[in-house]
Amino acid sequence: MFTDEAGQVTDLVANGPGVDATVKALTTRISERLSIPRPRRITAPSRGRGMLKSVPYRGGVDDIDLDKTIDVLTEKPAPEDDDIIVRERVRPRRAVMLAVDVSGSMRGERVKTAAAAVGALAGELADDNVGVLAFWSDAAWLLRPGQERPALSLVDDLLRLPAKGLTNLAFPLELAGHELSRVPEEDARVVLLSDCVHNAGPDPRELAAGMPRLDVLIDVAGESDIELGRELAHYGRGRAYVIRGHRDVAPSLMDAFGR
């Protein structure tokens, strides 16, 4: 369903139930299984993007930082390989926007699974620039890019939002795209958690096509639109994953971030 209804960014109205022991346990289980690959180092020392840093030798780089290596050798005249200091470029932090569906169709166990996934992923990406956006027909920022908050605080705020309203998939993509517009494409991505039952707002496909990369986790525990979720991931040059419960979250996210 495509409508002319425009979404609005609203303030948090946190009168839902909040985090219970079940959600904390789900977050912990997902976190224990989650291991997101770090951004690859750029081994060309004198050209390309990224900040030039002095780091211990790991193989593959031959631009030795003589000053820092000599400092090490004065203390340790019989050095090992990792006592040699080299210069290499390291990519900037990734910018990751997490958009989680809290519309009326995502109530109950479904929103608990989504909240636990957000908490686990936000914790795993603590060294990256992460934004977390809850959406329904409108949207509310739980974490704006550049801010820092404990992962469980995000989960708590998300679950305190009442599950309500229709599902506007276009609006969170519009907001995420705006935040990522100044970030190099290779360092930016969006993760969408939803049942993908789009019933408010414009066609989200065009906005998906404007994403640097869009991966979609489709909750199929109840009503869902797998076809649309897969189309959005296709247009966004990412992948779609069918989520039947919390056990599917960690392997899906590790696969998405490993590509």
Protein backbone atom coordinates (compact mmCIF):
# COMPACT_ATOMS: atom_id res chain seq x y z
CA MET A 1 0.00 0.00 0.00
CA PHE A 2 1.41 3.39 -1.00
CA THR A 3 -0.12 6.61 0.33
CA ASP A 4 0.69 10.30 0.46
CA GLU A 5 0.96 10.15 4.23
CA ALA A 6 4.21 11.77 5.38
CA GLY A 7 6.03 10.51 8.45
CA GLN A 8 7.13 12.79 11.27
CA VAL A 9 10.01 12.58 13.71
CA THR A 10 8.49 12.55 17.20
CA ASP A 11 9.78 12.69 20.75
CA LEU A 12 9.97 9.46 22.71
CA VAL A 13 6.75 8.64 24.52
CA ALA A 14 8.01 5.90 26.80
CA ASN A 15 5.00 4.36 28.50
CA GLY A 16 5.42 0.75 27.39
CA PRO A 17 6.48 -2.12 29.66
CA GLY A 18 10.26 -1.67 29.47
CA VAL A 19 12.92 -4.37 29.71
CA ASP A 20 12.05 -7.59 31.49
CA ALA A 21 14.25 -10.57 32.36
CA THR A 22 13.28 -12.37 29.15
CA VAL A 23 14.52 -9.58 26.92
CA LYS A 24 17.76 -9.21 28.89
CA ALA A 25 18.33 -12.94 28.48
CA LEU A 26 17.63 -12.75 24.73
CA THR A 27 20.04 -9.82 24.36
CA THR A 28 22.73 -11.76 26.21
CA ARG A 29 22.22 -14.89 24.11
CA ILE A 30 22.44 -12.95 20.86
CA SER A 31 25.49 -11.02 22.09
CA GLU A 32 27.29 -14.24 23.03
CA ARG A 33 26.86 -15.57 19.51
CA LEU A 34 27.53 -12.30 17.72
CA SER A 35 30.99 -11.50 16.36
CA ILE A 36 30.93 -8.76 13.73
CA PRO A 37 34.04 -8.57 11.52
CA ARG A 38 35.98 -5.34 11.97
CA PRO A 39 36.63 -3.05 8.98
CA ARG A 40 39.54 -4.25 6.88
CA ARG A 41 42.83 -2.41 7.17
CA ILE A 42 44.06 -0.65 4.06
CA THR A 43 47.58 -1.90 3.53
CA ALA A 44 48.72 0.73 0.99
CA PRO A 45 50.77 3.06 3.23
CA SER A 46 51.09 6.16 1.08
CA ARG A 47 47.87 6.44 -0.90
CA GLY A 48 44.15 5.89 -0.60
CA ARG A 49 41.61 6.80 2.06
CA GLY A 50 41.95 6.31 5.76
CA MET A 51 44.04 7.68 8.60
CA LEU A 52 47.75 6.86 8.55
CA LYS A 53 48.65 5.15 11.83
CA SER A 54 51.70 3.49 13.35
CA VAL A 55 50.85 -0.08 14.35
CA PRO A 56 52.67 -3.34 15.20
CA TYR A 57 53.80 -5.32 12.16
CA ARG A 58 51.25 -7.98 11.10
CA GLY A 59 52.63 -8.88 7.71
CA GLY A 60 51.85 -7.38 4.33
CA VAL A 61 53.14 -3.83 5.04
CA ASP A 62 56.77 -2.83 4.52
CA ASP A 63 56.66 0.90 5.36
CA ILE A 64 58.56 0.80 8.66
CA ASP A 65 58.18 3.68 11.09
CA LEU A 66 61.87 3.98 11.91
CA ASP A 67 61.57 6.45 14.77
CA LYS A 68 59.04 4.37 16.71
CA THR A 69 60.80 1.10 15.91
CA ILE A 70 64.14 2.48 17.19
CA ASP A 71 62.38 3.53 20.40
CA VAL A 72 61.23 -0.07 20.86
CA LEU A 73 64.66 -1.51 20.05
CA THR A 74 66.37 0.60 22.70
CA GLU A 75 64.25 -1.20 25.28
CA LYS A 76 64.27 -4.60 23.56
CA PRO A 77 67.40 -5.30 21.49
CA ALA A 78 66.18 -8.78 20.44
CA PRO A 79 62.79 -7.86 18.93
CA GLU A 80 59.99 -10.13 17.77
CA ASP A 81 57.97 -9.45 14.62
CA ASP A 82 55.29 -7.41 16.40
CA ASP A 83 57.95 -5.16 17.96
CA ILE A 84 58.54 -3.69 14.51
CA ILE A 85 56.32 -0.64 13.99
CA VAL A 86 54.92 0.03 10.52
CA ARG A 87 52.69 2.67 9.02
CA GLU A 88 49.41 1.77 7.38
CA ARG A 89 46.09 3.35 6.66
CA VAL A 90 43.11 2.38 8.79
CA ARG A 91 39.59 3.05 7.63
CA PRO A 92 37.43 5.47 9.60
CA ARG A 93 34.68 4.08 11.81
CA ARG A 94 31.69 2.60 10.05
CA ALA A 95 28.43 4.52 10.13
CA VAL A 96 25.56 2.09 10.79
CA MET A 97 21.89 3.07 11.02
CA LEU A 98 19.62 0.54 12.74
CA ALA A 99 15.93 0.99 11.94
CA VAL A 100 13.57 -1.14 14.03
CA ASP A 101 9.84 -1.55 13.46
CA VAL A 102 7.64 -0.90 16.53
CA SER A 103 4.32 -0.67 14.69
CA GLY A 104 1.21 -2.45 15.92
CA SER A 105 2.01 -5.60 13.94
CA MET A 106 5.34 -6.00 15.79
CA ARG A 107 3.92 -6.26 19.30
CA GLY A 108 4.59 -9.01 21.82
CA GLU A 109 7.41 -11.48 21.25
CA ARG A 110 8.27 -10.00 17.88
CA VAL A 111 9.26 -6.60 19.25
CA LYS A 112 11.18 -8.32 22.06
CA THR A 113 13.27 -10.19 19.50
CA ALA A 114 13.86 -6.98 17.54
CA ALA A 115 14.81 -5.08 20.70
CA ALA A 116 17.25 -7.79 21.78
CA ALA A 117 18.80 -7.75 18.31
CA VAL A 118 19.27 -3.97 18.48
CA GLY A 119 20.82 -4.20 21.95
CA ALA A 120 23.24 -6.94 20.92
CA LEU A 121 24.24 -5.25 17.67
CA ALA A 122 24.63 -1.80 19.25
CA GLY A 123 26.88 -3.34 21.89
CA GLU A 124 28.95 -5.17 19.28
CA LEU A 125 29.32 -1.98 17.22
CA ALA A 126 30.32 0.18 20.17
CA ASP A 127 33.46 1.37 18.34
CA ASP A 128 31.46 2.46 15.30
CA ASN A 129 29.20 5.45 14.67
CA VAL A 130 25.75 3.97 15.28
CA GLY A 131 22.29 5.48 15.02
CA VAL A 132 19.13 3.70 16.24
CA LEU A 133 15.72 4.68 14.90
CA ALA A 134 12.36 3.26 16.01
CA PHE A 135 9.58 3.64 13.47
CA TRP A 136 5.89 3.00 12.85
CA SER A 137 3.91 5.48 10.68
CA ASP A 138 6.21 8.08 12.29
CA ALA A 139 9.66 7.62 13.84
CA ALA A 140 11.70 8.50 16.93
CA TRP A 141 15.47 8.53 17.43
CA LEU A 142 16.66 6.30 20.26
CA LEU A 143 20.29 7.09 19.51
CA ARG A 144 21.42 9.81 17.16
CA PRO A 145 24.67 9.21 15.27
CA GLY A 146 27.59 10.48 17.29
CA GLN A 147 25.92 9.89 20.66
CA GLU A 148 26.91 7.11 23.04
CA ARG A 149 24.58 5.10 25.26
CA PRO A 150 24.70 1.69 26.93
CA ALA A 151 23.10 -0.98 24.77
CA LEU A 152 20.59 -2.04 27.43
CA SER A 153 19.43 1.57 27.78
CA LEU A 154 18.53 1.52 24.10
CA VAL A 155 16.64 -1.75 24.57
CA ASP A 156 14.81 -0.28 27.55
CA ASP A 157 13.74 2.84 25.63
CA LEU A 158 12.65 0.79 22.63
CA LEU A 159 10.46 -1.50 24.72
CA ARG A 160 8.93 1.46 26.54
CA LEU A 161 7.56 2.67 23.23
CA PRO A 162 3.99 1.42 22.78
CA ALA A 163 3.58 -0.86 19.75
CA LYS A 164 1.10 1.12 17.69
CA GLY A 165 0.14 2.48 14.32
CA LEU A 166 0.80 1.48 10.75
CA THR A 167 4.13 0.60 9.12
CA ASN A 168 5.86 3.24 7.00
CA LEU A 169 9.05 1.63 5.68
CA ALA A 170 9.94 4.63 3.53
CA PHE A 171 10.31 7.13 6.37
CA PRO A 172 13.15 5.45 8.31
CA LEU A 173 15.02 4.92 5.03
CA GLU A 174 14.62 8.61 4.25
CA LEU A 175 15.98 9.59 7.67
CA ALA A 176 18.85 7.10 7.52
CA GLY A 177 19.78 8.25 4.03
CA HIS A 178 19.96 11.84 5.21
CA GLU A 179 22.30 10.90 8.07
CA LEU A 180 24.55 8.87 5.76
CA SER A 181 24.62 11.35 2.90
CA ARG A 182 28.04 12.72 3.90
CA VAL A 183 29.60 9.33 4.71
CA PRO A 184 31.65 7.44 2.06
CA GLU A 185 29.53 4.57 0.75
CA GLU A 186 32.03 1.88 1.72
CA ASP A 187 31.82 2.98 5.38
CA ALA A 188 28.02 3.28 5.60
CA ARG A 189 25.10 0.86 5.85
CA VAL A 190 21.54 0.46 7.10
CA VAL A 191 20.03 -2.54 8.90
CA LEU A 192 16.22 -2.73 8.83
CA LEU A 193 14.36 -4.96 11.31
CA SER A 194 10.70 -5.38 10.36
CA ASP A 195 7.93 -7.69 9.24
CA CYS A 196 7.96 -5.51 6.07
CA VAL A 197 4.15 -5.19 6.00
CA HIS A 198 4.20 -1.70 4.46
CA ASN A 199 0.82 -0.01 4.84
CA ALA A 200 1.57 3.70 5.16
CA GLY A 201 3.65 6.21 3.23
CA PRO A 202 5.19 6.14 -0.24
CA ASP A 203 6.82 3.24 -2.06
CA PRO A 204 10.03 2.45 -0.12
CA ARG A 205 11.83 0.84 -3.07
CA GLU A 206 13.15 4.09 -4.50
CA LEU A 207 14.56 5.12 -1.11
CA ALA A 208 16.10 1.66 -0.67
CA ALA A 209 17.90 2.15 -3.97
CA GLY A 210 19.49 5.29 -2.56
CA MET A 211 21.05 3.50 0.42
CA PRO A 212 24.80 2.80 0.42
CA ARG A 213 23.86 -0.71 1.56
CA LEU A 214 20.63 -2.00 3.06
CA ASP A 215 20.30 -5.36 4.82
CA VAL A 216 16.82 -6.44 5.88
CA LEU A 217 15.92 -8.79 8.74
CA ILE A 218 12.36 -9.95 8.04
CA ASP A 219 10.43 -11.16 11.10
CA VAL A 220 8.13 -13.95 9.91
CA ALA A 221 6.76 -15.02 13.30
CA GLY A 222 3.39 -13.57 12.25
CA GLU A 223 2.09 -11.62 9.28
CA SER A 224 4.95 -10.60 7.01
CA ASP A 225 5.82 -9.57 3.48
CA ILE A 226 8.95 -11.53 2.59
CA GLU A 227 8.79 -10.51 -1.06
CA LEU A 228 8.93 -6.79 -0.27
CA GLY A 229 11.72 -7.32 2.27
CA ARG A 230 13.78 -9.12 -0.34
CA GLU A 231 13.07 -6.42 -2.92
CA LEU A 232 14.24 -3.70 -0.53
CA ALA A 233 17.48 -5.56 0.16
CA HIS A 234 17.97 -6.10 -3.58
CA TYR A 235 17.45 -2.42 -4.37
CA GLY A 236 19.75 -1.53 -1.48
CA ARG A 237 22.54 -3.85 -2.67
CA GLY A 238 22.32 -5.87 0.53
CA ARG A 239 20.80 -9.14 1.66
CA ALA A 240 17.50 -10.20 3.18
CA TYR A 241 17.29 -12.66 6.08
CA VAL A 242 14.23 -14.50 7.34
CA ILE A 243 14.02 -14.27 11.15
CA ARG A 244 11.83 -16.86 12.85
CA GLY A 245 13.15 -16.20 16.35
CA HIS A 246 16.13 -14.85 18.27
CA ARG A 247 18.36 -17.78 17.24
CA ASP A 248 18.32 -16.54 13.64
CA VAL A 249 19.53 -13.03 14.51
CA ALA A 250 23.25 -13.52 15.25
CA PRO A 251 24.11 -15.70 12.22
CA SER A 252 22.17 -13.39 9.93
CA LEU A 253 23.96 -10.26 11.18
CA MET A 254 27.39 -11.92 11.04
CA ASP A 255 26.73 -12.97 7.46
CA ALA A 256 25.55 -9.48 6.51
CA PHE A 257 28.55 -7.71 8.03
CA GLY A 258 30.95 -10.30 6.65
CA ARG A 259 30.04 -9.31 3.08
